[in-house]
Protein backbone atom coordinates (compact mmCIF):
# COMPACT_ATOMS: atom_id res chain seq x y z
CA MET A 1 78.76 113.52 113.19
CA ASN A 2 75.31 112.46 113.59
CA ASN A 3 75.59 112.24 117.29
CA ARG A 4 77.85 113.77 119.70
CA ARG A 5 76.31 112.91 123.05
CA LYS A 6 78.12 110.07 122.99
CA PRO A 7 81.11 110.78 125.20
CA GLU A 8 78.88 112.57 128.01
CA ARG A 9 77.16 109.26 127.88
CA ARG A 10 80.05 107.25 128.57
CA THR A 11 81.36 108.63 131.61
CA ARG A 12 78.77 107.94 133.08
CA LEU A 13 78.79 104.22 132.46
CA SER A 14 79.80 101.57 135.17
CA ARG A 15 82.60 99.15 134.72
CA ILE A 16 80.18 96.49 133.34
CA GLN A 17 78.63 98.69 131.27
CA GLU A 18 81.68 99.91 129.67
CA LYS A 19 82.44 95.73 128.88
CA ASN A 20 79.32 95.20 127.69
CA ARG A 21 79.97 98.69 125.14
CA THR A 22 83.13 96.95 124.36
CA ARG A 23 81.49 93.78 123.66
CA ILE A 24 78.99 95.47 121.02
CA ILE A 25 82.06 96.89 119.28
CA ASP A 26 83.59 93.99 118.72
CA ALA A 27 81.07 92.03 117.66
CA ALA A 28 79.98 94.96 114.88
CA LEU A 29 83.24 95.31 113.95
CA GLY A 30 82.45 91.77 112.84
CA GLU A 31 79.50 91.95 111.33
CA PHE A 32 79.86 95.51 109.84
CA SER A 33 83.15 93.75 108.10
CA ARG A 34 81.54 90.41 106.80
CA TYR A 35 77.73 92.16 105.67
CA GLY A 36 78.79 95.88 105.07
CA TYR A 37 76.70 98.60 106.88
CA SER A 38 73.64 97.81 104.90
CA GLY A 39 73.81 93.75 105.32
CA ALA A 40 74.46 94.27 109.19
CA THR A 41 71.49 94.62 111.37
CA ILE A 42 70.75 95.08 114.75
CA ASP A 43 69.54 91.31 115.24
CA LYS A 44 72.76 90.23 114.16
CA ILE A 45 75.04 92.57 116.03
CA SER A 46 73.31 91.61 119.41
CA ALA A 47 73.23 88.16 118.66
CA ALA A 48 77.08 88.41 118.14
CA ALA A 49 77.66 90.21 121.43
CA GLY A 50 75.30 87.42 123.33
CA MET A 51 72.58 89.98 124.51
CA SER A 52 69.38 91.04 123.85
CA LYS A 53 68.36 93.50 120.69
CA SER A 54 66.86 95.87 123.83
CA ASN A 55 69.72 95.42 125.97
CA LEU A 56 72.27 96.65 122.88
CA LEU A 57 70.04 99.59 121.94
CA TYR A 58 70.48 100.73 126.09
CA TYR A 59 73.74 101.59 124.78
CA PHE A 60 73.33 102.73 121.22
CA SER A 61 70.12 103.96 119.78
CA SER A 62 70.55 103.03 116.15
CA LYS A 63 72.39 100.73 113.81
CA GLY A 64 74.18 104.52 112.60
CA ASP A 65 75.50 105.20 116.52
CA VAL A 66 76.82 101.37 116.51
CA TYR A 67 78.60 101.88 113.22
CA GLU A 68 80.15 105.06 113.90
CA ALA A 69 81.44 104.04 117.55
CA VAL A 70 83.19 101.18 115.70
CA LEU A 71 85.18 103.46 113.47
CA GLU A 72 85.82 105.98 116.11
CA HIS A 73 87.57 102.86 117.89
CA ILE A 74 89.20 101.81 114.98
CA LEU A 75 90.69 104.84 114.53
CA ASP A 76 91.61 105.47 118.37
CA VAL A 77 93.65 102.15 118.00
CA TRP A 78 95.76 103.41 114.93
CA LEU A 79 96.70 106.52 116.25
CA ALA A 80 97.68 105.41 119.41
CA PRO A 81 101.02 104.43 118.17
CA LEU A 82 101.72 108.21 116.19
CA ARG A 83 101.09 109.38 119.86
CA THR A 84 103.83 108.29 121.12
CA LEU A 85 106.19 109.82 118.59
CA ASP A 86 108.79 111.00 120.63
CA PRO A 87 110.48 114.62 119.69
CA ASP A 88 113.43 113.97 121.71
CA GLY A 89 113.95 110.45 120.48
CA GLU A 90 116.44 109.51 117.71
CA PRO A 91 114.57 109.63 114.43
CA ALA A 92 115.52 105.78 112.90
CA LYS A 93 114.24 104.45 116.20
CA GLU A 94 111.20 106.50 116.66
CA LEU A 95 109.95 105.67 112.98
CA CYS A 96 110.96 102.20 113.15
CA ALA A 97 108.72 101.75 116.49
CA TYR A 98 105.89 103.06 114.97
CA ILE A 99 105.92 101.20 111.80
CA LYS A 100 106.55 97.72 113.49
CA GLN A 101 103.20 99.27 115.87
CA LYS A 102 101.55 100.02 112.49
CA MET A 103 102.38 96.54 110.89
CA LYS A 104 101.25 94.95 114.34
CA ILE A 105 97.90 96.08 113.92
CA SER A 106 97.52 95.39 110.39
CA ALA A 107 98.40 91.82 111.48
CA GLU A 108 95.91 91.54 114.36
CA ARG A 109 93.23 93.64 113.13
CA SER A 110 92.99 93.63 109.31
CA GLU A 111 89.39 93.39 108.94
CA ALA A 112 89.36 96.68 110.97
CA SER A 113 91.18 98.42 108.33
CA ARG A 114 89.36 97.28 105.42
CA LEU A 115 86.29 98.37 107.19
CA PHE A 116 87.89 101.79 107.78
CA ALA A 117 89.16 102.22 104.28
CA ASN A 118 86.04 101.20 102.73
CA GLU A 119 84.59 104.27 104.66
CA VAL A 120 86.82 106.41 103.60
CA MET A 121 86.84 105.82 100.10
CA GLN A 122 82.91 106.55 100.43
CA GLY A 123 83.91 110.01 101.34
CA ALA A 124 83.74 109.09 105.18
CA PRO A 125 80.10 110.15 105.66
CA GLN A 126 80.03 109.09 109.14
CA ILE A 127 83.40 110.23 110.94
CA ARG A 128 84.27 113.30 108.81
CA ASP A 129 84.36 115.31 111.32
CA VAL A 130 86.53 113.49 113.41
CA LEU A 131 88.89 113.24 110.74
CA GLU A 132 88.80 117.01 110.31
CA ASP A 133 89.16 117.84 113.65
CA ASP A 134 90.94 114.96 115.81
CA LEU A 135 93.34 113.39 113.11
CA LYS A 136 94.17 116.33 111.69
CA THR A 137 94.95 117.81 114.98
CA LEU A 138 97.22 114.88 115.98
CA VAL A 139 98.89 114.76 112.25
CA ALA A 140 99.97 118.53 112.65
CA ASP A 141 101.39 117.94 115.96
CA LYS A 142 103.32 114.95 114.93
CA SER A 143 104.17 116.99 112.09
CA LYS A 144 106.35 119.16 114.16
CA VAL A 145 108.15 116.73 115.39
CA ILE A 146 109.22 115.61 112.21
CA GLU A 147 110.14 119.16 111.69
CA ARG A 148 111.61 119.75 114.54
CA TRP A 149 114.06 116.62 113.41
CA ILE A 150 114.45 118.58 110.34
CA ASP A 151 115.46 121.59 111.73
CA ASP A 152 118.10 119.79 113.88
CA GLY A 153 119.45 118.26 110.89
CA LYS A 154 118.65 114.50 111.81
CA ILE A 155 116.39 113.81 108.46
CA THR A 156 116.55 115.15 105.13
CA ARG A 157 113.83 117.94 104.81
CA ILE A 158 111.11 116.59 103.23
CA ASN A 159 107.10 116.85 103.95
CA PRO A 160 106.14 115.76 107.36
CA VAL A 161 102.42 114.75 106.32
CA HIS A 162 103.77 112.97 103.04
CA LEU A 163 105.71 110.95 104.99
CA ILE A 164 103.01 110.16 107.61
CA PHE A 165 100.97 109.37 104.27
CA THR A 166 103.81 106.91 103.17
CA ILE A 167 103.89 105.41 106.26
CA TRP A 168 99.94 104.69 106.52
CA ALA A 169 100.02 103.75 102.83
CA THR A 170 102.72 100.78 103.18
CA THR A 171 101.43 99.68 106.51
CA GLN A 172 97.98 99.28 105.87
CA HIS A 173 98.73 97.56 102.40
CA TYR A 174 99.28 94.43 104.52
CA ALA A 175 95.79 94.35 105.81
CA ASP A 176 93.71 96.39 103.24
CA PHE A 177 94.93 93.72 100.11
CA ASP A 178 95.63 90.72 102.50
CA SER A 179 93.75 88.42 99.81
CA GLN A 180 96.11 89.91 97.37
CA ILE A 181 99.31 89.20 99.29
CA ARG A 182 98.22 85.58 100.26
CA ALA A 183 97.73 84.79 96.28
CA LEU A 184 101.49 86.10 95.62
CA THR A 185 103.14 85.05 98.00
CA GLY A 186 101.22 82.44 100.05
CA THR A 187 101.38 83.69 103.41
CA GLY A 188 100.19 86.87 105.55
CA LEU A 189 101.88 88.66 108.74
CA GLU A 190 100.59 86.00 110.99
CA ASP A 191 103.84 84.54 109.32
CA GLU A 192 106.60 85.51 112.14
CA ALA A 193 109.29 85.27 109.57
CA PHE A 194 107.44 87.13 106.70
CA PHE A 195 105.96 89.75 109.18
CA ARG A 196 109.81 90.42 110.15
CA GLU A 197 110.91 90.51 106.95
CA ALA A 198 107.92 92.90 105.41
CA THR A 199 108.46 95.26 108.50
CA ASP A 200 112.38 95.45 108.13
CA THR A 201 111.79 96.19 104.43
CA VAL A 202 109.34 98.84 104.89
CA CYS A 203 111.71 100.53 107.54
CA SER A 204 114.61 100.31 105.09
CA LEU A 205 112.67 102.07 102.50
CA ILE A 206 111.18 105.01 104.59
CA LEU A 207 114.29 105.64 106.42
CA ARG A 208 116.79 105.71 103.81
CA GLY A 209 114.07 108.10 101.75
CA ILE A 210 115.11 110.53 104.73
CA GLY A 211 118.80 109.86 104.73
CA LEU A 212 118.45 107.39 107.84
CA GLU A 213 119.97 103.88 108.26
CA MET A 214 118.60 100.57 110.49
CA PRO A 215 118.75 101.11 113.73
CA ARG A 216 121.62 98.64 115.03
CA ASP A 217 119.30 96.97 117.42
CA GLU A 218 116.15 96.71 114.74
CA SER A 219 118.47 95.24 112.07
CA ASP A 220 120.49 92.92 113.74
CA GLU A 221 117.71 91.03 115.71
């Protein structure tokens, strides 16, 4: 990435400084989502964060650094559910829980999903080495979990990476194509009934594709 020194600096921040840094990232997410990278400015971001430009530049030396931090934050949030996939758990329950968490993120952070998708479609210039390092390592690790389920005869033999890709595609669709979904259905994931129906549908399609049925406690809720 453009700047690999930030983690060192972050460890020296106080609780108040960490809070300010989070304020900047949250404000920047809104600005980048509305105006894109070229349209967002340090002045706009600092105003949205409720702080001076000089104060913002104490935490980030440039707009590029802020943008990179926003993208890394989005990725961290998205990957948190995948990290919880338990090799000792029942595959149907584990995968349904993962899908539900991913759908919840799509419901609550749709603008973050769209911003990240736009970055990736442009070749991920700001976060390529995060994708090729941290993300690749995590996907490899969780692919081993899925391979273990396959070896134990719990699910149909399938390429684990493509299974993960399929879950990402179906769940993040509800964020990235929110406008299209609303045009066609008149609602979105904030509608509890729509959220449940969409989540159950995605879970059912994924599970049946690998030889599983919906967990009773999920389908009967």
